[in-house]
Amino acid sequence: MIGGGYAGIRAARDLDDIANVVLVEPRDSFRHNVGALRAMVRPDWMPNIFMSYEKLLANGKVVHDRAAQVQPGRVELASGQVLDADFIVLATGSQYPFPAKDDETSSELSKKKYLRINENLESAKHVLLLGAGVVGVELVGEILARWPEKQITLLDPSADVLKGQYPEPLRAALREMLSSEGVDLRLGEGLRDLPQAVAGEVTPFVAETTSGARIDADLWLQCFGGGVTSDYVVGSLAQARTESGRLRVHDDLRVQGHDTVYAVGDIADLGLPTAFIADVQADIAARNIRVQITGEGESAEFQDPFPHLVVPFGTDKGTGWMVNQDELLDTATVKQLKGDHLLIAMYTDRLGLTDGAWTIGH
């Protein structure tokens, strides 16, 4: 198992009773990125996103190392150790600008980064957020829930908030939510250049938009971009890489051209790159490996779950959409589904952390 994110922990635990599972993950704790934006604004809540791997596997083990080269049947780690494998599941996820995701392997260093940006946000007068997708909108909500009077400009070169095939009523509800909170929402224009100030640091700067407008702010954050890293796949596996770095897979999540290598989550070129989809794909891959090992049962194929989106706006507000419902999700439903807890209990359970002492340094 290469990668200990959402897909990796699901597949690893599902196979722990039937296979000798080795989970390769450089980070010293699971990072619950769904809660990362709230971790940035609430230091008291921040430890919740750091969850121990200690109880994930009853029989297998977690190796804190990085996969340097992976090919069918063989995994070479950055330390030089070589692991032989009958089956390999690639679940290395994706990268995204901080604070939505953090690339630190050390929990303590990561916590310091979150505490630092929290201090900077508290002292900043005018925050510029670049990108009005889900991350940008949710980040606005988290900041205003903590500092209601904070001046925020949300800018995106797209003509509307929220890229993707979502209904107009959902976009309209998000625009209204932002406007009602006094957010300076600027759509259809980007910046001529990114600010010279370091993202997340308090440094007064002037940014010029593509329309020639001037924005004076003292802190900015990037809420767009990111991607996957798959240059560790070599040999025949490298032939399955797309231009974006994702891996082409069959509907059963096997990497194209391979019977014993699977790719799940953001790195798989199938489905939206979300934690929910990663979990679904990991379940299918684990079931199919179980069939290959035992010779019993039938293999499964991935089918996109019904489209939906839940967008918290802080702890007490938000909206959302489900394809099988005519009305948007109301605030109470958003709070119940996600906004109040950000799925913490789901993933403490997934990691086997049921005794309360479940975070690194909590």
Protein backbone atom coordinates (compact mmCIF):
# COMPACT_ATOMS: atom_id res chain seq x y z
CA MET A 1 0.00 0.00 0.00
CA ILE A 2 1.68 3.20 -1.16
CA GLY A 3 0.21 6.22 0.61
CA GLY A 4 -1.61 6.61 3.91
CA GLY A 5 -4.28 9.15 2.99
CA TYR A 6 -8.02 8.59 2.73
CA ALA A 7 -7.80 5.82 0.12
CA GLY A 8 -4.74 4.16 1.60
CA ILE A 9 -6.07 3.70 5.11
CA ARG A 10 -9.37 2.29 3.82
CA ALA A 11 -7.76 -0.27 1.53
CA ALA A 12 -5.11 -1.22 4.09
CA ARG A 13 -7.59 -1.88 6.85
CA ASP A 14 -9.99 -3.75 4.57
CA LEU A 15 -7.22 -6.19 3.60
CA ASP A 16 -5.52 -6.52 6.98
CA ASP A 17 -7.34 -9.74 7.86
CA ILE A 18 -6.37 -11.58 4.69
CA ALA A 19 -3.00 -10.26 3.57
CA ASN A 20 0.35 -9.19 5.00
CA VAL A 21 -0.28 -5.47 4.56
CA VAL A 22 2.60 -2.99 4.51
CA LEU A 23 1.50 0.64 4.34
CA VAL A 24 4.24 2.98 3.12
CA GLU A 25 3.66 6.54 4.30
CA PRO A 26 6.30 9.23 5.02
CA ARG A 27 4.13 11.30 7.37
CA ASP A 28 4.13 10.43 11.05
CA SER A 29 0.36 10.80 11.31
CA PHE A 30 -2.73 10.72 9.14
CA ARG A 31 -3.77 14.23 8.09
CA HIS A 32 -7.51 14.81 7.97
CA ASN A 33 -7.45 17.45 5.26
CA VAL A 34 -11.22 17.87 5.33
CA GLY A 35 -10.65 19.77 8.58
CA ALA A 36 -7.50 21.65 7.57
CA LEU A 37 -9.13 25.04 6.99
CA ARG A 38 -10.72 25.03 10.41
CA ALA A 39 -7.43 23.94 11.92
CA MET A 40 -5.92 27.14 10.53
CA VAL A 41 -8.35 29.47 12.28
CA ARG A 42 -8.89 27.57 15.55
CA PRO A 43 -5.75 26.45 17.40
CA ASP A 44 -7.88 24.64 19.99
CA TRP A 45 -9.42 22.53 17.23
CA MET A 46 -6.26 22.06 15.16
CA PRO A 47 -4.98 18.85 16.87
CA ASN A 48 -8.07 17.05 15.55
CA ILE A 49 -6.62 16.73 12.05
CA PHE A 50 -3.54 14.81 13.23
CA MET A 51 -4.49 11.16 13.80
CA SER A 52 -2.18 8.32 14.76
CA TYR A 53 -1.64 5.28 12.52
CA GLU A 54 -0.85 3.19 15.60
CA LYS A 55 -4.12 1.25 15.66
CA LEU A 56 -4.92 1.15 11.95
CA LEU A 57 -3.63 -2.39 11.37
CA ALA A 58 -3.97 -5.36 13.69
CA ASN A 59 -1.69 -7.63 11.66
CA GLY A 60 0.15 -5.48 9.12
CA LYS A 61 2.50 -2.56 9.68
CA VAL A 62 3.06 1.06 8.70
CA VAL A 63 6.51 1.96 7.35
CA HIS A 64 7.29 5.66 7.58
CA ASP A 65 9.26 6.07 4.39
CA ARG A 66 8.73 7.35 0.87
CA ALA A 67 8.35 5.18 -2.22
CA ALA A 68 11.21 6.05 -4.57
CA GLN A 69 10.51 3.54 -7.33
CA VAL A 70 7.47 1.32 -7.78
CA GLN A 71 7.00 -1.34 -10.43
CA PRO A 72 4.91 -4.52 -10.48
CA GLY A 73 5.99 -6.75 -7.60
CA ARG A 74 8.67 -4.42 -6.29
CA VAL A 75 8.78 -1.24 -4.18
CA GLU A 76 12.06 0.53 -3.51
CA LEU A 77 11.94 3.01 -0.63
CA ALA A 78 13.90 6.24 -0.29
CA SER A 79 15.89 4.59 2.51
CA GLY A 80 17.05 1.91 0.07
CA GLN A 81 14.88 -0.85 1.53
CA VAL A 82 13.18 -3.02 -1.07
CA LEU A 83 9.75 -4.56 -0.53
CA ASP A 84 8.46 -7.46 -2.61
CA ALA A 85 4.72 -7.47 -3.15
CA ASP A 86 2.13 -9.74 -4.75
CA PHE A 87 -0.28 -6.81 -5.00
CA ILE A 88 0.36 -3.07 -4.94
CA VAL A 89 -2.17 -0.33 -4.31
CA LEU A 90 -1.08 3.18 -5.31
CA ALA A 91 -2.85 5.72 -3.11
CA THR A 92 -0.51 8.69 -2.89
CA GLY A 93 -3.22 11.32 -3.25
CA SER A 94 -2.53 14.86 -4.38
CA GLN A 95 -0.84 18.07 -3.31
CA TYR A 96 -2.50 21.43 -2.81
CA PRO A 97 -1.28 24.80 -1.55
CA PHE A 98 -1.17 25.26 2.22
CA PRO A 99 -3.33 25.49 4.33
CA ALA A 100 -5.79 23.19 2.53
CA LYS A 101 -3.03 20.58 2.53
CA ASP A 102 0.40 20.47 4.10
CA ASP A 103 3.43 18.57 2.82
CA GLU A 104 5.32 18.33 6.13
CA THR A 105 6.08 14.78 7.23
CA SER A 106 6.43 15.86 10.87
CA SER A 107 3.23 16.56 12.80
CA GLU A 108 5.02 18.99 15.07
CA LEU A 109 6.37 21.05 12.17
CA SER A 110 2.96 21.03 10.53
CA LYS A 111 1.29 22.23 13.73
CA LYS A 112 3.76 25.09 13.97
CA LYS A 113 2.84 26.15 10.45
CA TYR A 114 -0.86 26.19 11.32
CA LEU A 115 -0.20 28.16 14.50
CA ARG A 116 1.95 30.65 12.59
CA ILE A 117 -0.67 31.29 9.94
CA ASN A 118 -3.33 31.60 12.64
CA GLU A 119 -1.32 34.37 14.30
CA ASN A 120 -0.80 36.09 10.96
CA LEU A 121 -4.47 35.94 10.06
CA GLU A 122 -5.47 37.36 13.40
CA SER A 123 -3.25 40.41 12.88
CA ALA A 124 -4.00 40.87 9.17
CA LYS A 125 -6.44 43.61 8.24
CA HIS A 126 -7.25 42.71 4.63
CA VAL A 127 -7.00 39.12 3.34
CA LEU A 128 -6.87 38.35 -0.38
CA LEU A 129 -7.93 34.84 -1.37
CA LEU A 130 -7.19 33.69 -4.91
CA GLY A 131 -9.67 31.11 -6.15
CA ALA A 132 -13.44 30.95 -5.64
CA GLY A 133 -13.84 27.20 -5.80
CA VAL A 134 -14.89 25.05 -2.86
CA VAL A 135 -11.63 25.68 -0.96
CA GLY A 136 -11.84 29.46 -1.39
CA VAL A 137 -15.49 29.65 -0.35
CA GLU A 138 -15.04 27.38 2.67
CA LEU A 139 -11.94 29.29 3.74
CA VAL A 140 -13.88 32.55 3.69
CA GLY A 141 -16.49 30.96 5.94
CA GLU A 142 -13.92 29.67 8.41
CA ILE A 143 -12.12 33.01 8.63
CA LEU A 144 -15.32 34.99 9.16
CA ALA A 145 -16.62 32.53 11.75
CA ARG A 146 -13.49 33.28 13.77
CA TRP A 147 -13.05 36.97 12.89
CA PRO A 148 -16.43 38.34 11.70
CA GLU A 149 -15.09 41.83 10.96
CA LYS A 150 -12.14 40.68 8.84
CA GLN A 151 -11.96 42.33 5.42
CA ILE A 152 -11.76 39.68 2.69
CA THR A 153 -11.47 39.89 -1.08
CA LEU A 154 -12.19 36.69 -3.00
CA LEU A 155 -10.99 36.81 -6.60
CA ASP A 156 -11.29 34.35 -9.47
CA PRO A 157 -10.77 34.71 -13.24
CA SER A 158 -13.78 32.44 -13.82
CA ALA A 159 -17.14 34.06 -14.48
CA ASP A 160 -18.71 32.44 -11.43
CA VAL A 161 -17.91 30.66 -8.20
CA LEU A 162 -17.49 26.90 -8.05
CA LYS A 163 -16.12 25.32 -11.20
CA GLY A 164 -17.75 22.10 -12.37
CA GLN A 165 -21.14 20.86 -13.43
CA TYR A 166 -23.16 22.17 -10.53
CA PRO A 167 -26.61 23.78 -10.74
CA GLU A 168 -27.00 27.55 -10.94
CA PRO A 169 -29.14 27.70 -7.74
CA LEU A 170 -26.15 26.37 -5.78
CA ARG A 171 -23.83 28.99 -7.22
CA ALA A 172 -26.41 31.69 -6.57
CA ALA A 173 -26.73 30.58 -2.95
CA LEU A 174 -22.96 30.72 -2.50
CA ARG A 175 -22.73 34.18 -4.08
CA GLU A 176 -25.49 35.42 -1.80
CA MET A 177 -23.80 33.90 1.24
CA LEU A 178 -20.53 35.63 0.41
CA SER A 179 -22.14 38.98 -0.35
CA SER A 180 -24.28 38.94 2.80
CA GLU A 181 -21.09 38.58 4.85
CA GLY A 182 -19.54 41.64 3.22
CA VAL A 183 -16.99 39.74 1.13
CA ASP A 184 -15.58 41.68 -1.81
CA LEU A 185 -16.31 39.06 -4.48
CA ARG A 186 -14.53 39.70 -7.76
CA LEU A 187 -15.28 37.27 -10.55
CA GLY A 188 -14.05 37.27 -14.12
CA GLU A 189 -10.67 38.76 -13.28
CA GLY A 190 -7.38 37.43 -12.00
CA LEU A 191 -4.11 39.07 -11.04
CA ARG A 192 -1.50 40.23 -13.52
CA ASP A 193 1.11 38.67 -11.22
CA LEU A 194 1.01 36.87 -7.90
CA PRO A 195 1.90 39.12 -4.94
CA GLN A 196 5.60 39.29 -4.14
CA ALA A 197 4.77 38.88 -0.46
CA VAL A 198 5.06 35.33 0.87
CA ALA A 199 1.67 33.63 1.02
CA GLY A 200 0.34 33.50 4.56
CA GLU A 201 2.70 36.16 5.90
CA VAL A 202 1.60 39.64 6.98
CA THR A 203 3.20 42.02 4.51
CA PRO A 204 1.33 44.99 3.01
CA PHE A 205 1.23 44.74 -0.78
CA VAL A 206 -0.60 46.07 -3.81
CA ALA A 207 -1.96 43.65 -6.40
CA GLU A 208 -3.20 44.66 -9.83
CA THR A 209 -6.02 42.69 -11.44
CA THR A 210 -6.28 41.85 -15.11
CA SER A 211 -8.90 44.58 -15.44
CA GLY A 212 -6.46 47.15 -14.05
CA ALA A 213 -8.05 47.44 -10.61
CA ARG A 214 -5.88 47.84 -7.53
CA ILE A 215 -6.19 45.68 -4.40
CA ASP A 216 -4.43 46.77 -1.21
CA ALA A 217 -4.09 43.89 1.25
CA ASP A 218 -1.62 42.57 3.79
CA LEU A 219 -2.04 38.79 3.56
CA TRP A 220 -2.90 36.46 0.70
CA LEU A 221 -3.50 32.77 0.22
CA GLN A 222 -3.71 30.57 -2.85
CA CYS A 223 -6.92 28.55 -3.15
CA PHE A 224 -6.32 26.93 -6.53
CA GLY A 225 -3.80 24.65 -8.18
CA GLY A 226 -2.22 21.47 -6.96
CA GLY A 227 -1.85 18.11 -8.64
CA VAL A 228 -0.52 14.61 -8.26
CA THR A 229 3.00 13.23 -8.10
CA SER A 230 3.53 9.89 -9.78
CA ASP A 231 7.11 10.04 -10.99
CA TYR A 232 7.91 7.19 -8.62
CA VAL A 233 6.19 4.70 -10.95
CA VAL A 234 8.73 3.16 -13.30
CA GLY A 235 8.98 0.46 -15.91
CA SER A 236 5.71 -0.66 -17.43
CA LEU A 237 3.69 1.31 -14.89
CA ALA A 238 5.02 4.59 -16.26
CA GLN A 239 3.22 3.88 -19.53
CA ALA A 240 -0.11 4.33 -17.73
CA ARG A 241 0.64 7.92 -16.69
CA THR A 242 -1.40 10.71 -18.21
CA GLU A 243 -0.08 14.21 -18.92
CA SER A 244 -1.48 15.35 -15.56
CA GLY A 245 0.38 12.57 -13.75
CA ARG A 246 -2.69 10.53 -12.91
CA LEU A 247 -2.74 6.83 -13.80
CA ARG A 248 -5.13 5.28 -16.27
CA VAL A 249 -7.16 2.58 -14.61
CA HIS A 250 -9.83 0.09 -15.59
CA ASP A 251 -13.26 0.27 -13.97
CA ASP A 252 -12.10 -2.29 -11.41
CA LEU A 253 -9.29 0.16 -10.42
CA ARG A 254 -6.45 -1.95 -11.80
CA VAL A 255 -3.82 0.15 -13.55
CA GLN A 256 -4.19 -0.35 -17.29
CA GLY A 257 -2.05 -3.24 -18.53
CA HIS A 258 -1.54 -4.73 -15.06
CA ASP A 259 -3.36 -7.41 -13.10
CA THR A 260 -1.86 -6.90 -9.64
CA VAL A 261 -1.38 -3.12 -9.40
CA TYR A 262 -4.26 -0.84 -8.44
CA ALA A 263 -4.54 2.94 -8.26
CA VAL A 264 -7.17 4.62 -6.10
CA GLY A 265 -8.08 8.12 -5.01
CA ASP A 266 -6.73 11.29 -6.56
CA ILE A 267 -3.98 9.50 -8.47
CA ALA A 268 -6.48 7.37 -10.40
CA ASP A 269 -7.74 8.87 -13.65
CA LEU A 270 -11.32 8.02 -12.77
CA GLY A 271 -13.86 10.06 -10.84
CA LEU A 272 -13.57 13.37 -9.01
CA PRO A 273 -10.55 13.90 -6.71
CA THR A 274 -12.42 13.96 -3.39
CA ALA A 275 -12.03 12.12 -0.09
CA PHE A 276 -15.45 10.54 -0.62
CA ILE A 277 -14.52 9.12 -4.03
CA ALA A 278 -11.15 7.96 -2.69
CA ASP A 279 -12.94 5.97 0.01
CA VAL A 280 -15.32 4.37 -2.50
CA GLN A 281 -12.49 3.42 -4.85
CA ALA A 282 -10.39 1.97 -2.05
CA ASP A 283 -13.30 -0.23 -0.99
CA ILE A 284 -13.67 -1.57 -4.55
CA ALA A 285 -9.95 -2.20 -5.01
CA ALA A 286 -9.75 -4.05 -1.68
CA ARG A 287 -12.73 -6.20 -2.61
CA ASN A 288 -11.18 -7.09 -5.96
CA ILE A 289 -7.84 -8.00 -4.39
CA ARG A 290 -9.70 -10.19 -1.92
CA VAL A 291 -11.34 -12.00 -4.83
CA GLN A 292 -7.95 -12.51 -6.48
CA ILE A 293 -6.45 -13.87 -3.26
CA THR A 294 -9.30 -16.21 -2.28
CA GLY A 295 -10.81 -17.03 -5.64
CA GLU A 296 -14.20 -16.44 -4.07
CA GLY A 297 -16.84 -13.85 -4.83
CA GLU A 298 -17.20 -11.52 -7.78
CA SER A 299 -15.11 -8.52 -8.73
CA ALA A 300 -16.60 -5.04 -8.50
CA GLU A 301 -16.37 -1.99 -10.74
CA PHE A 302 -16.36 1.69 -9.88
CA GLN A 303 -19.45 3.68 -10.75
CA ASP A 304 -19.67 7.35 -9.90
CA PRO A 305 -21.86 7.78 -6.81
CA PHE A 306 -24.73 10.21 -7.16
CA PRO A 307 -23.39 13.75 -7.54
CA HIS A 308 -23.50 15.90 -4.45
CA LEU A 309 -21.65 18.73 -2.75
CA VAL A 310 -21.80 19.90 0.87
CA VAL A 311 -20.25 23.32 1.47
CA PRO A 312 -19.89 24.40 5.10
CA PHE A 313 -19.42 28.12 5.72
CA GLY A 314 -17.95 28.00 9.18
CA THR A 315 -19.61 25.88 11.86
CA ASP A 316 -23.14 27.29 11.67
CA LYS A 317 -23.78 28.12 8.02
CA GLY A 318 -23.53 26.54 4.60
CA THR A 319 -25.41 25.05 1.71
CA GLY A 320 -25.21 22.06 -0.56
CA TRP A 321 -26.75 20.06 -3.35
CA MET A 322 -27.77 16.49 -4.05
CA VAL A 323 -28.79 15.45 -7.52
CA ASN A 324 -31.86 13.56 -6.32
CA GLN A 325 -33.31 16.55 -4.43
CA ASP A 326 -35.06 19.59 -5.84
CA GLU A 327 -34.12 21.90 -2.97
CA LEU A 328 -30.66 22.88 -1.83
CA LEU A 329 -29.48 21.59 1.52
CA ASP A 330 -30.39 23.92 4.34
CA THR A 331 -28.00 25.09 7.03
CA ALA A 332 -29.17 22.55 9.60
CA THR A 333 -28.56 19.67 7.20
CA VAL A 334 -25.13 20.96 6.19
CA LYS A 335 -24.21 21.30 9.85
CA GLN A 336 -25.37 17.76 10.58
CA LEU A 337 -23.69 16.18 7.55
CA LYS A 338 -20.36 17.95 7.78
CA GLY A 339 -20.14 21.54 9.00
CA ASP A 340 -20.30 20.95 12.73
CA HIS A 341 -17.82 18.06 12.95
CA LEU A 342 -16.05 17.82 9.55
CA LEU A 343 -16.25 14.01 9.68
CA ILE A 344 -13.79 13.64 12.55
CA ALA A 345 -15.60 10.67 14.10
CA MET A 346 -15.74 8.81 10.77
CA TYR A 347 -11.99 8.84 10.41
CA THR A 348 -11.08 8.21 14.02
CA ASP A 349 -13.22 5.10 13.64
CA ARG A 350 -11.55 4.22 10.33
CA LEU A 351 -8.14 4.42 12.03
CA GLY A 352 -9.29 2.30 14.96
CA LEU A 353 -8.99 5.18 17.41
CA THR A 354 -11.94 4.67 19.70
CA ASP A 355 -10.46 5.26 23.14
CA GLY A 356 -10.33 9.03 22.96
CA ALA A 357 -6.52 9.34 22.92
CA TRP A 358 -6.23 9.51 19.22
CA THR A 359 -4.31 12.55 18.05
CA ILE A 360 -0.60 13.21 17.91
CA GLY A 361 0.08 15.47 20.86
CA HIS A 362 -3.62 15.93 21.67
